[in-house]
Amino acid sequence: ARVGVRLHARAGERAARVFGYGLGATD
């Protein structure tokens, strides 16, 4: 749980650098 939520959040941070504001789950 602790690792998973941080991995997911960090992936969202990385995706935002690529796709901008609106993100999809696949991004």
mmCIF file of all heavy atoms, coordinates in Angstrom:
data_MODEL
# 
_entry.id   MODEL 
# 
loop_
_atom_site.group_PDB 
_atom_site.id 
_atom_site.type_symbol 
_atom_site.label_atom_id 
_atom_site.label_alt_id 
_atom_site.label_comp_id 
_atom_site.label_asym_id 
_atom_site.label_entity_id 
_atom_site.label_seq_id 
_atom_site.pdbx_PDB_ins_code 
_atom_site.Cartn_x 
_atom_site.Cartn_y 
_atom_site.Cartn_z 
_atom_site.occupancy 
_atom_site.B_iso_or_equiv 
_atom_site.pdbx_formal_charge 
_atom_site.auth_seq_id 
_atom_site.auth_comp_id 
_atom_site.auth_asym_id 
_atom_site.auth_atom_id 
_atom_site.pdbx_PDB_model_num 
ATOM 1   N N   . ALA A 1 1  ? 0.828  -1.209 0.000   1.00 0.00 ? 1  ALA A N   1 
ATOM 2   C CA  . ALA A 1 1  ? 0.000  0.000  0.000   1.00 0.00 ? 1  ALA A CA  1 
ATOM 3   C C   . ALA A 1 1  ? 0.861  1.256  0.000   1.00 0.00 ? 1  ALA A C   1 
ATOM 4   O O   . ALA A 1 1  ? 0.642  2.188  -0.789  1.00 0.00 ? 1  ALA A O   1 
ATOM 5   C CB  . ALA A 1 1  ? -0.927 -0.008 1.210   1.00 0.00 ? 1  ALA A CB  1 
ATOM 6   N N   . ARG A 1 2  ? 1.848  1.298  0.894   1.00 0.00 ? 2  ARG A N   1 
ATOM 7   C CA  . ARG A 1 2  ? 2.671  2.508  0.992   1.00 0.00 ? 2  ARG A CA  1 
ATOM 8   C C   . ARG A 1 2  ? 3.506  2.726  -0.266  1.00 0.00 ? 2  ARG A C   1 
ATOM 9   O O   . ARG A 1 2  ? 3.620  3.854  -0.757  1.00 0.00 ? 2  ARG A O   1 
ATOM 10  C CB  . ARG A 1 2  ? 3.566  2.428  2.243   1.00 0.00 ? 2  ARG A CB  1 
ATOM 11  C CG  . ARG A 1 2  ? 2.781  2.629  3.540   1.00 0.00 ? 2  ARG A CG  1 
ATOM 12  C CD  . ARG A 1 2  ? 3.684  2.627  4.755   1.00 0.00 ? 2  ARG A CD  1 
ATOM 13  N NE  . ARG A 1 2  ? 4.126  1.284  5.107   1.00 0.00 ? 2  ARG A NE  1 
ATOM 14  C CZ  . ARG A 1 2  ? 3.438  0.452  5.864   1.00 0.00 ? 2  ARG A CZ  1 
ATOM 15  N NH1 . ARG A 1 2  ? 2.263  0.799  6.348   1.00 0.00 ? 2  ARG A NH1 1 
ATOM 16  N NH2 . ARG A 1 2  ? 3.922  -0.743 6.147   1.00 0.00 ? 2  ARG A NH2 1 
ATOM 17  N N   . VAL A 1 3  ? 4.100  1.651  -0.786  1.00 0.00 ? 3  VAL A N   1 
ATOM 18  C CA  . VAL A 1 3  ? 4.891  1.779  -2.012  1.00 0.00 ? 3  VAL A CA  1 
ATOM 19  C C   . VAL A 1 3  ? 3.983  2.063  -3.200  1.00 0.00 ? 3  VAL A C   1 
ATOM 20  O O   . VAL A 1 3  ? 4.295  2.902  -4.059  1.00 0.00 ? 3  VAL A O   1 
ATOM 21  C CB  . VAL A 1 3  ? 5.714  0.501  -2.245  1.00 0.00 ? 3  VAL A CB  1 
ATOM 22  C CG1 . VAL A 1 3  ? 6.377  0.536  -3.619  1.00 0.00 ? 3  VAL A CG1 1 
ATOM 23  C CG2 . VAL A 1 3  ? 6.778  0.346  -1.172  1.00 0.00 ? 3  VAL A CG2 1 
ATOM 24  N N   . GLY A 1 4  ? 2.832  1.384  -3.259  1.00 0.00 ? 4  GLY A N   1 
ATOM 25  C CA  . GLY A 1 4  ? 1.956  1.499  -4.422  1.00 0.00 ? 4  GLY A CA  1 
ATOM 26  C C   . GLY A 1 4  ? 1.396  2.893  -4.617  1.00 0.00 ? 4  GLY A C   1 
ATOM 27  O O   . GLY A 1 4  ? 1.377  3.412  -5.738  1.00 0.00 ? 4  GLY A O   1 
ATOM 28  N N   . VAL A 1 5  ? 0.931  3.533  -3.532  1.00 0.00 ? 5  VAL A N   1 
ATOM 29  C CA  . VAL A 1 5  ? 0.357  4.867  -3.701  1.00 0.00 ? 5  VAL A CA  1 
ATOM 30  C C   . VAL A 1 5  ? 1.424  5.870  -4.117  1.00 0.00 ? 5  VAL A C   1 
ATOM 31  O O   . VAL A 1 5  ? 1.160  6.793  -4.903  1.00 0.00 ? 5  VAL A O   1 
ATOM 32  C CB  . VAL A 1 5  ? -0.391 5.342  -2.437  1.00 0.00 ? 5  VAL A CB  1 
ATOM 33  C CG1 . VAL A 1 5  ? -1.638 4.514  -2.206  1.00 0.00 ? 5  VAL A CG1 1 
ATOM 34  C CG2 . VAL A 1 5  ? 0.493  5.332  -1.199  1.00 0.00 ? 5  VAL A CG2 1 
ATOM 35  N N   . ARG A 1 6  ? 2.645  5.691  -3.627  1.00 0.00 ? 6  ARG A N   1 
ATOM 36  C CA  . ARG A 1 6  ? 3.717  6.616  -4.027  1.00 0.00 ? 6  ARG A CA  1 
ATOM 37  C C   . ARG A 1 6  ? 4.149  6.360  -5.466  1.00 0.00 ? 6  ARG A C   1 
ATOM 38  O O   . ARG A 1 6  ? 4.390  7.311  -6.222  1.00 0.00 ? 6  ARG A O   1 
ATOM 39  C CB  . ARG A 1 6  ? 4.901  6.505  -3.074  1.00 0.00 ? 6  ARG A CB  1 
ATOM 40  C CG  . ARG A 1 6  ? 6.094  7.379  -3.480  1.00 0.00 ? 6  ARG A CG  1 
ATOM 41  C CD  . ARG A 1 6  ? 5.720  8.834  -3.652  1.00 0.00 ? 6  ARG A CD  1 
ATOM 42  N NE  . ARG A 1 6  ? 6.820  9.625  -4.180  1.00 0.00 ? 6  ARG A NE  1 
ATOM 43  C CZ  . ARG A 1 6  ? 6.682  10.671 -4.987  1.00 0.00 ? 6  ARG A CZ  1 
ATOM 44  N NH1 . ARG A 1 6  ? 5.481  11.086 -5.356  1.00 0.00 ? 6  ARG A NH1 1 
ATOM 45  N NH2 . ARG A 1 6  ? 7.743  11.330 -5.404  1.00 0.00 ? 6  ARG A NH2 1 
ATOM 46  N N   . LEU A 1 7  ? 4.254  5.100  -5.879  1.00 0.00 ? 7  LEU A N   1 
ATOM 47  C CA  . LEU A 1 7  ? 4.572  4.796  -7.277  1.00 0.00 ? 7  LEU A CA  1 
ATOM 48  C C   . LEU A 1 7  ? 3.536  5.416  -8.216  1.00 0.00 ? 7  LEU A C   1 
ATOM 49  O O   . LEU A 1 7  ? 3.879  6.016  -9.239  1.00 0.00 ? 7  LEU A O   1 
ATOM 50  C CB  . LEU A 1 7  ? 4.615  3.285  -7.498  1.00 0.00 ? 7  LEU A CB  1 
ATOM 51  C CG  . LEU A 1 7  ? 5.904  2.550  -7.194  1.00 0.00 ? 7  LEU A CG  1 
ATOM 52  C CD1 . LEU A 1 7  ? 5.672  1.042  -7.333  1.00 0.00 ? 7  LEU A CD1 1 
ATOM 53  C CD2 . LEU A 1 7  ? 7.044  2.996  -8.123  1.00 0.00 ? 7  LEU A CD2 1 
ATOM 54  N N   . HIS A 1 8  ? 2.271  5.256  -7.859  1.00 0.00 ? 8  HIS A N   1 
ATOM 55  C CA  . HIS A 1 8  ? 1.189  5.780  -8.678  1.00 0.00 ? 8  HIS A CA  1 
ATOM 56  C C   . HIS A 1 8  ? 1.274  7.310  -8.752  1.00 0.00 ? 8  HIS A C   1 
ATOM 57  O O   . HIS A 1 8  ? 1.137  7.910  -9.836  1.00 0.00 ? 8  HIS A O   1 
ATOM 58  C CB  . HIS A 1 8  ? -0.143 5.337  -8.073  1.00 0.00 ? 8  HIS A CB  1 
ATOM 59  C CG  . HIS A 1 8  ? -1.314 5.518  -8.975  1.00 0.00 ? 8  HIS A CG  1 
ATOM 60  N ND1 . HIS A 1 8  ? -2.379 6.330  -8.628  1.00 0.00 ? 8  HIS A ND1 1 
ATOM 61  C CD2 . HIS A 1 8  ? -1.606 5.018  -10.195 1.00 0.00 ? 8  HIS A CD2 1 
ATOM 62  C CE1 . HIS A 1 8  ? -3.279 6.299  -9.601  1.00 0.00 ? 8  HIS A CE1 1 
ATOM 63  N NE2 . HIS A 1 8  ? -2.836 5.517  -10.556 1.00 0.00 ? 8  HIS A NE2 1 
ATOM 64  N N   . ALA A 1 9  ? 1.512  7.950  -7.598  1.00 0.00 ? 9  ALA A N   1 
ATOM 65  C CA  . ALA A 1 9  ? 1.625  9.407  -7.575  1.00 0.00 ? 9  ALA A CA  1 
ATOM 66  C C   . ALA A 1 9  ? 2.824  9.872  -8.393  1.00 0.00 ? 9  ALA A C   1 
ATOM 67  O O   . ALA A 1 9  ? 2.743  10.847 -9.153  1.00 0.00 ? 9  ALA A O   1 
ATOM 68  C CB  . ALA A 1 9  ? 1.748  9.893  -6.131  1.00 0.00 ? 9  ALA A CB  1 
ATOM 69  N N   . ARG A 1 10 ? 3.945  9.190  -8.237  1.00 0.00 ? 10 ARG A N   1 
ATOM 70  C CA  . ARG A 1 10 ? 5.155  9.580  -8.977  1.00 0.00 ? 10 ARG A CA  1 
ATOM 71  C C   . ARG A 1 10 ? 4.945  9.394  -10.477 1.00 0.00 ? 10 ARG A C   1 
ATOM 72  O O   . ARG A 1 10 ? 5.394  10.224 -11.279 1.00 0.00 ? 10 ARG A O   1 
ATOM 73  C CB  . ARG A 1 10 ? 6.351  8.753  -8.496  1.00 0.00 ? 10 ARG A CB  1 
ATOM 74  C CG  . ARG A 1 10 ? 7.661  9.058  -9.208  1.00 0.00 ? 10 ARG A CG  1 
ATOM 75  C CD  . ARG A 1 10 ? 8.059  10.504 -9.030  1.00 0.00 ? 10 ARG A CD  1 
ATOM 76  N NE  . ARG A 1 10 ? 9.260  10.825 -9.782  1.00 0.00 ? 10 ARG A NE  1 
ATOM 77  C CZ  . ARG A 1 10 ? 9.553  12.026 -10.228 1.00 0.00 ? 10 ARG A CZ  1 
ATOM 78  N NH1 . ARG A 1 10 ? 8.726  13.040 -9.998  1.00 0.00 ? 10 ARG A NH1 1 
ATOM 79  N NH2 . ARG A 1 10 ? 10.673 12.233 -10.900 1.00 0.00 ? 10 ARG A NH2 1 
ATOM 80  N N   . ALA A 1 11 ? 4.261  8.328  -10.869 1.00 0.00 ? 11 ALA A N   1 
ATOM 81  C CA  . ALA A 1 11 ? 3.961  8.132  -12.291 1.00 0.00 ? 11 ALA A CA  1 
ATOM 82  C C   . ALA A 1 11 ? 3.084  9.266  -12.812 1.00 0.00 ? 11 ALA A C   1 
ATOM 83  O O   . ALA A 1 11 ? 3.245  9.717  -13.956 1.00 0.00 ? 11 ALA A O   1 
ATOM 84  C CB  . ALA A 1 11 ? 3.277  6.781  -12.505 1.00 0.00 ? 11 ALA A CB  1 
ATOM 85  N N   . GLY A 1 12 ? 2.156  9.747  -11.973 1.00 0.00 ? 12 GLY A N   1 
ATOM 86  C CA  . GLY A 1 12 ? 1.333  10.887 -12.364 1.00 0.00 ? 12 GLY A CA  1 
ATOM 87  C C   . GLY A 1 12 ? 2.157  12.141 -12.562 1.00 0.00 ? 12 GLY A C   1 
ATOM 88  O O   . GLY A 1 12 ? 1.915  12.926 -13.493 1.00 0.00 ? 12 GLY A O   1 
ATOM 89  N N   . GLU A 1 13 ? 3.146  12.355 -11.705 1.00 0.00 ? 13 GLU A N   1 
ATOM 90  C CA  . GLU A 1 13 ? 4.036  13.502 -11.861 1.00 0.00 ? 13 GLU A CA  1 
ATOM 91  C C   . GLU A 1 13 ? 4.804  13.426 -13.176 1.00 0.00 ? 13 GLU A C   1 
ATOM 92  O O   . GLU A 1 13 ? 4.942  14.429 -13.901 1.00 0.00 ? 13 GLU A O   1 
ATOM 93  C CB  . GLU A 1 13 ? 5.014  13.572 -10.694 1.00 0.00 ? 13 GLU A CB  1 
ATOM 94  C CG  . GLU A 1 13 ? 4.365  13.822 -9.343  1.00 0.00 ? 13 GLU A CG  1 
ATOM 95  C CD  . GLU A 1 13 ? 5.271  13.498 -8.171  1.00 0.00 ? 13 GLU A CD  1 
ATOM 96  O OE1 . GLU A 1 13 ? 6.490  13.254 -8.402  1.00 0.00 ? 13 GLU A OE1 1 
ATOM 97  O OE2 . GLU A 1 13 ? 4.781  13.479 -7.036  1.00 0.00 ? 13 GLU A OE2 1 
ATOM 98  N N   . ARG A 1 14 ? 5.289  12.235 -13.486 1.00 0.00 ? 14 ARG A N   1 
ATOM 99  C CA  . ARG A 1 14 ? 6.031  12.055 -14.741 1.00 0.00 ? 14 ARG A CA  1 
ATOM 100 C C   . ARG A 1 14 ? 5.111  12.236 -15.954 1.00 0.00 ? 14 ARG A C   1 
ATOM 101 O O   . ARG A 1 14 ? 5.491  12.853 -16.949 1.00 0.00 ? 14 ARG A O   1 
ATOM 102 C CB  . ARG A 1 14 ? 6.677  10.667 -14.761 1.00 0.00 ? 14 ARG A CB  1 
ATOM 103 C CG  . ARG A 1 14 ? 7.788  10.474 -13.726 1.00 0.00 ? 14 ARG A CG  1 
ATOM 104 C CD  . ARG A 1 14 ? 8.306  9.039  -13.748 1.00 0.00 ? 14 ARG A CD  1 
ATOM 105 N NE  . ARG A 1 14 ? 8.914  8.737  -15.035 1.00 0.00 ? 14 ARG A NE  1 
ATOM 106 C CZ  . ARG A 1 14 ? 10.223 8.836  -15.312 1.00 0.00 ? 14 ARG A CZ  1 
ATOM 107 N NH1 . ARG A 1 14 ? 11.062 9.244  -14.367 1.00 0.00 ? 14 ARG A NH1 1 
ATOM 108 N NH2 . ARG A 1 14 ? 10.685 8.533  -16.497 1.00 0.00 ? 14 ARG A NH2 1 
ATOM 109 N N   . ALA A 1 15 ? 3.900  11.695 -15.868 1.00 0.00 ? 15 ALA A N   1 
ATOM 110 C CA  . ALA A 1 15 ? 2.962  11.815 -16.984 1.00 0.00 ? 15 ALA A CA  1 
ATOM 111 C C   . ALA A 1 15 ? 2.601  13.274 -17.243 1.00 0.00 ? 15 ALA A C   1 
ATOM 112 O O   . ALA A 1 15 ? 2.403  13.694 -18.387 1.00 0.00 ? 15 ALA A O   1 
ATOM 113 C CB  . ALA A 1 15 ? 1.709  10.989 -16.705 1.00 0.00 ? 15 ALA A CB  1 
ATOM 114 N N   . ALA A 1 16 ? 2.497  14.060 -16.158 1.00 0.00 ? 16 ALA A N   1 
ATOM 115 C CA  . ALA A 1 16 ? 2.144  15.480 -16.312 1.00 0.00 ? 16 ALA A CA  1 
ATOM 116 C C   . ALA A 1 16 ? 3.203  16.230 -17.107 1.00 0.00 ? 16 ALA A C   1 
ATOM 117 O O   . ALA A 1 16 ? 2.887  17.166 -17.847 1.00 0.00 ? 16 ALA A O   1 
ATOM 118 C CB  . ALA A 1 16 ? 1.947  16.118 -14.948 1.00 0.00 ? 16 ALA A CB  1 
ATOM 119 N N   . ARG A 1 17 ? 4.462  15.827 -16.968 1.00 0.00 ? 17 ARG A N   1 
ATOM 120 C CA  . ARG A 1 17 ? 5.529  16.484 -17.734 1.00 0.00 ? 17 ARG A CA  1 
ATOM 121 C C   . ARG A 1 17 ? 5.405  16.184 -19.224 1.00 0.00 ? 17 ARG A C   1 
ATOM 122 O O   . ARG A 1 17 ? 5.843  16.971 -20.065 1.00 0.00 ? 17 ARG A O   1 
ATOM 123 C CB  . ARG A 1 17 ? 6.902  16.039 -17.224 1.00 0.00 ? 17 ARG A CB  1 
ATOM 124 C CG  . ARG A 1 17 ? 7.208  16.504 -15.816 1.00 0.00 ? 17 ARG A CG  1 
ATOM 125 C CD  . ARG A 1 17 ? 8.690  16.541 -15.557 1.00 0.00 ? 17 ARG A CD  1 
ATOM 126 N NE  . ARG A 1 17 ? 9.299  15.215 -15.616 1.00 0.00 ? 17 ARG A NE  1 
ATOM 127 C CZ  . ARG A 1 17 ? 9.539  14.471 -14.554 1.00 0.00 ? 17 ARG A CZ  1 
ATOM 128 N NH1 . ARG A 1 17 ? 9.198  14.903 -13.344 1.00 0.00 ? 17 ARG A NH1 1 
ATOM 129 N NH2 . ARG A 1 17 ? 10.100 13.283 -14.676 1.00 0.00 ? 17 ARG A NH2 1 
ATOM 130 N N   . VAL A 1 18 ? 4.799  15.048 -19.555 1.00 0.00 ? 18 VAL A N   1 
ATOM 131 C CA  . VAL A 1 18 ? 4.660  14.642 -20.958 1.00 0.00 ? 18 VAL A CA  1 
ATOM 132 C C   . VAL A 1 18 ? 3.366  15.171 -21.558 1.00 0.00 ? 18 VAL A C   1 
ATOM 133 O O   . VAL A 1 18 ? 3.348  15.719 -22.662 1.00 0.00 ? 18 VAL A O   1 
ATOM 134 C CB  . VAL A 1 18 ? 4.706  13.099 -21.081 1.00 0.00 ? 18 VAL A CB  1 
ATOM 135 C CG1 . VAL A 1 18 ? 4.510  12.671 -22.528 1.00 0.00 ? 18 VAL A CG1 1 
ATOM 136 C CG2 . VAL A 1 18 ? 6.024  12.566 -20.529 1.00 0.00 ? 18 VAL A CG2 1 
ATOM 137 N N   . PHE A 1 19 ? 2.261  15.017 -20.816 1.00 0.00 ? 19 PHE A N   1 
ATOM 138 C CA  . PHE A 1 19 ? 0.939  15.270 -21.379 1.00 0.00 ? 19 PHE A CA  1 
ATOM 139 C C   . PHE A 1 19 ? 0.306  16.574 -20.901 1.00 0.00 ? 19 PHE A C   1 
ATOM 140 O O   . PHE A 1 19 ? -0.743 16.962 -21.408 1.00 0.00 ? 19 PHE A O   1 
ATOM 141 C CB  . PHE A 1 19 ? -0.004 14.105 -21.045 1.00 0.00 ? 19 PHE A CB  1 
ATOM 142 C CG  . PHE A 1 19 ? 0.446  12.802 -21.629 1.00 0.00 ? 19 PHE A CG  1 
ATOM 143 C CD1 . PHE A 1 19 ? 1.051  11.842 -20.834 1.00 0.00 ? 19 PHE A CD1 1 
ATOM 144 C CD2 . PHE A 1 19 ? 0.264  12.531 -22.972 1.00 0.00 ? 19 PHE A CD2 1 
ATOM 145 C CE1 . PHE A 1 19 ? 1.471  10.633 -21.357 1.00 0.00 ? 19 PHE A CE1 1 
ATOM 146 C CE2 . PHE A 1 19 ? 0.680  11.324 -23.515 1.00 0.00 ? 19 PHE A CE2 1 
ATOM 147 C CZ  . PHE A 1 19 ? 1.289  10.383 -22.711 1.00 0.00 ? 19 PHE A CZ  1 
ATOM 148 N N   . GLY A 1 20 ? 0.896  17.226 -19.904 1.00 0.00 ? 20 GLY A N   1 
ATOM 149 C CA  . GLY A 1 20 ? 0.312  18.461 -19.421 1.00 0.00 ? 20 GLY A CA  1 
ATOM 150 C C   . GLY A 1 20 ? -0.687 18.228 -18.314 1.00 0.00 ? 20 GLY A C   1 
ATOM 151 O O   . GLY A 1 20 ? -0.498 17.363 -17.469 1.00 0.00 ? 20 GLY A O   1 
ATOM 152 N N   . TYR A 1 21 ? -1.772 18.970 -18.348 1.00 0.00 ? 21 TYR A N   1 
ATOM 153 C CA  . TYR A 1 21 ? -2.684 18.986 -17.209 1.00 0.00 ? 21 TYR A CA  1 
ATOM 154 C C   . TYR A 1 21 ? -3.611 17.775 -17.169 1.00 0.00 ? 21 TYR A C   1 
ATOM 155 O O   . TYR A 1 21 ? -3.706 17.084 -16.161 1.00 0.00 ? 21 TYR A O   1 
ATOM 156 C CB  . TYR A 1 21 ? -3.506 20.286 -17.244 1.00 0.00 ? 21 TYR A CB  1 
ATOM 157 C CG  . TYR A 1 21 ? -4.463 20.408 -16.092 1.00 0.00 ? 21 TYR A CG  1 
ATOM 158 C CD1 . TYR A 1 21 ? -3.998 20.728 -14.819 1.00 0.00 ? 21 TYR A CD1 1 
ATOM 159 C CD2 . TYR A 1 21 ? -5.829 20.196 -16.251 1.00 0.00 ? 21 TYR A CD2 1 
ATOM 160 C CE1 . TYR A 1 21 ? -4.865 20.839 -13.746 1.00 0.00 ? 21 TYR A CE1 1 
ATOM 161 C CE2 . TYR A 1 21 ? -6.701 20.311 -15.189 1.00 0.00 ? 21 TYR A CE2 1 
ATOM 162 C CZ  . TYR A 1 21 ? -6.219 20.632 -13.945 1.00 0.00 ? 21 TYR A CZ  1 
ATOM 163 O OH  . TYR A 1 21 ? -7.076 20.738 -12.876 1.00 0.00 ? 21 TYR A OH  1 
ATOM 164 N N   . GLY A 1 22 ? -4.353 17.532 -18.250 1.00 0.00 ? 22 GLY A N   1 
ATOM 165 C CA  . GLY A 1 22 ? -5.322 16.437 -18.254 1.00 0.00 ? 22 GLY A CA  1 
ATOM 166 C C   . GLY A 1 22 ? -4.639 15.106 -18.498 1.00 0.00 ? 22 GLY A C   1 
ATOM 167 O O   . GLY A 1 22 ? -3.982 14.906 -19.516 1.00 0.00 ? 22 GLY A O   1 
ATOM 168 N N   . LEU A 1 23 ? -4.784 14.183 -17.575 1.00 0.00 ? 23 LEU A N   1 
ATOM 169 C CA  . LEU A 1 23 ? -4.121 12.882 -17.670 1.00 0.00 ? 23 LEU A CA  1 
ATOM 170 C C   . LEU A 1 23 ? -5.145 11.769 -17.720 1.00 0.00 ? 23 LEU A C   1 
ATOM 171 O O   . LEU A 1 23 ? -6.169 11.812 -17.037 1.00 0.00 ? 23 LEU A O   1 
ATOM 172 C CB  . LEU A 1 23 ? -3.199 12.666 -16.463 1.00 0.00 ? 23 LEU A CB  1 
ATOM 173 C CG  . LEU A 1 23 ? -2.122 13.727 -16.212 1.00 0.00 ? 23 LEU A CG  1 
ATOM 174 C CD1 . LEU A 1 23 ? -1.359 13.392 -14.946 1.00 0.00 ? 23 LEU A CD1 1 
ATOM 175 C CD2 . LEU A 1 23 ? -1.186 13.833 -17.400 1.00 0.00 ? 23 LEU A CD2 1 
ATOM 176 N N   . GLY A 1 24 ? -4.858 10.740 -18.509 1.00 0.00 ? 24 GLY A N   1 
ATOM 177 C CA  . GLY A 1 24 ? -5.647 9.522  -18.522 1.00 0.00 ? 24 GLY A CA  1 
ATOM 178 C C   . GLY A 1 24 ? -4.961 8.436  -17.723 1.00 0.00 ? 24 GLY A C   1 
ATOM 179 O O   . GLY A 1 24 ? -3.746 8.484  -17.492 1.00 0.00 ? 24 GLY A O   1 
ATOM 180 N N   . ALA A 1 25 ? -5.718 7.454  -17.302 1.00 0.00 ? 25 ALA A N   1 
ATOM 181 C CA  . ALA A 1 25 ? -5.148 6.370  -16.508 1.00 0.00 ? 25 ALA A CA  1 
ATOM 182 C C   . ALA A 1 25 ? -4.064 5.619  -17.268 1.00 0.00 ? 25 ALA A C   1 
ATOM 183 O O   . ALA A 1 25 ? -3.069 5.171  -16.683 1.00 0.00 ? 25 ALA A O   1 
ATOM 184 C CB  . ALA A 1 25 ? -6.255 5.407  -16.076 1.00 0.00 ? 25 ALA A CB  1 
ATOM 185 N N   . THR A 1 26 ? -4.233 5.475  -18.576 1.00 0.00 ? 26 THR A N   1 
ATOM 186 C CA  . THR A 1 26 ? -3.197 4.792  -19.350 1.00 0.00 ? 26 THR A CA  1 
ATOM 187 C C   . THR A 1 26 ? -1.923 5.627  -19.415 1.00 0.00 ? 26 THR A C   1 
ATOM 188 O O   . THR A 1 26 ? -0.812 5.073  -19.421 1.00 0.00 ? 26 THR A O   1 
ATOM 189 C CB  . THR A 1 26 ? -3.689 4.484  -20.769 1.00 0.00 ? 26 THR A CB  1 
ATOM 190 O OG1 . THR A 1 26 ? -4.159 5.689  -21.383 1.00 0.00 ? 26 THR A OG1 1 
ATOM 191 C CG2 . THR A 1 26 ? -4.811 3.465  -20.753 1.00 0.00 ? 26 THR A CG2 1 
ATOM 192 N N   . ASP A 1 27 ? -2.050 6.973  -19.461 1.00 0.00 ? 27 ASP A N   1 
ATOM 193 C CA  . ASP A 1 27 ? -0.858 7.821  -19.433 1.00 0.00 ? 27 ASP A CA  1 
ATOM 194 C C   . ASP A 1 27 ? -0.035 7.542  -18.181 1.00 0.00 ? 27 ASP A C   1 
ATOM 195 O O   . ASP A 1 27 ? 1.196  7.429  -18.244 1.00 0.00 ? 27 ASP A O   1 
ATOM 196 C CB  . ASP A 1 27 ? -1.256 9.312  -19.435 1.00 0.00 ? 27 ASP A CB  1 
ATOM 197 C CG  . ASP A 1 27 ? -2.087 9.707  -20.629 1.00 0.00 ? 27 ASP A CG  1 
ATOM 198 O OD1 . ASP A 1 27 ? -1.916 9.088  -21.699 1.00 0.00 ? 27 ASP A OD1 1 
ATOM 199 O OD2 . ASP A 1 27 ? -2.909 10.638 -20.489 1.00 0.00 ? 27 ASP A OD2 1 
# 
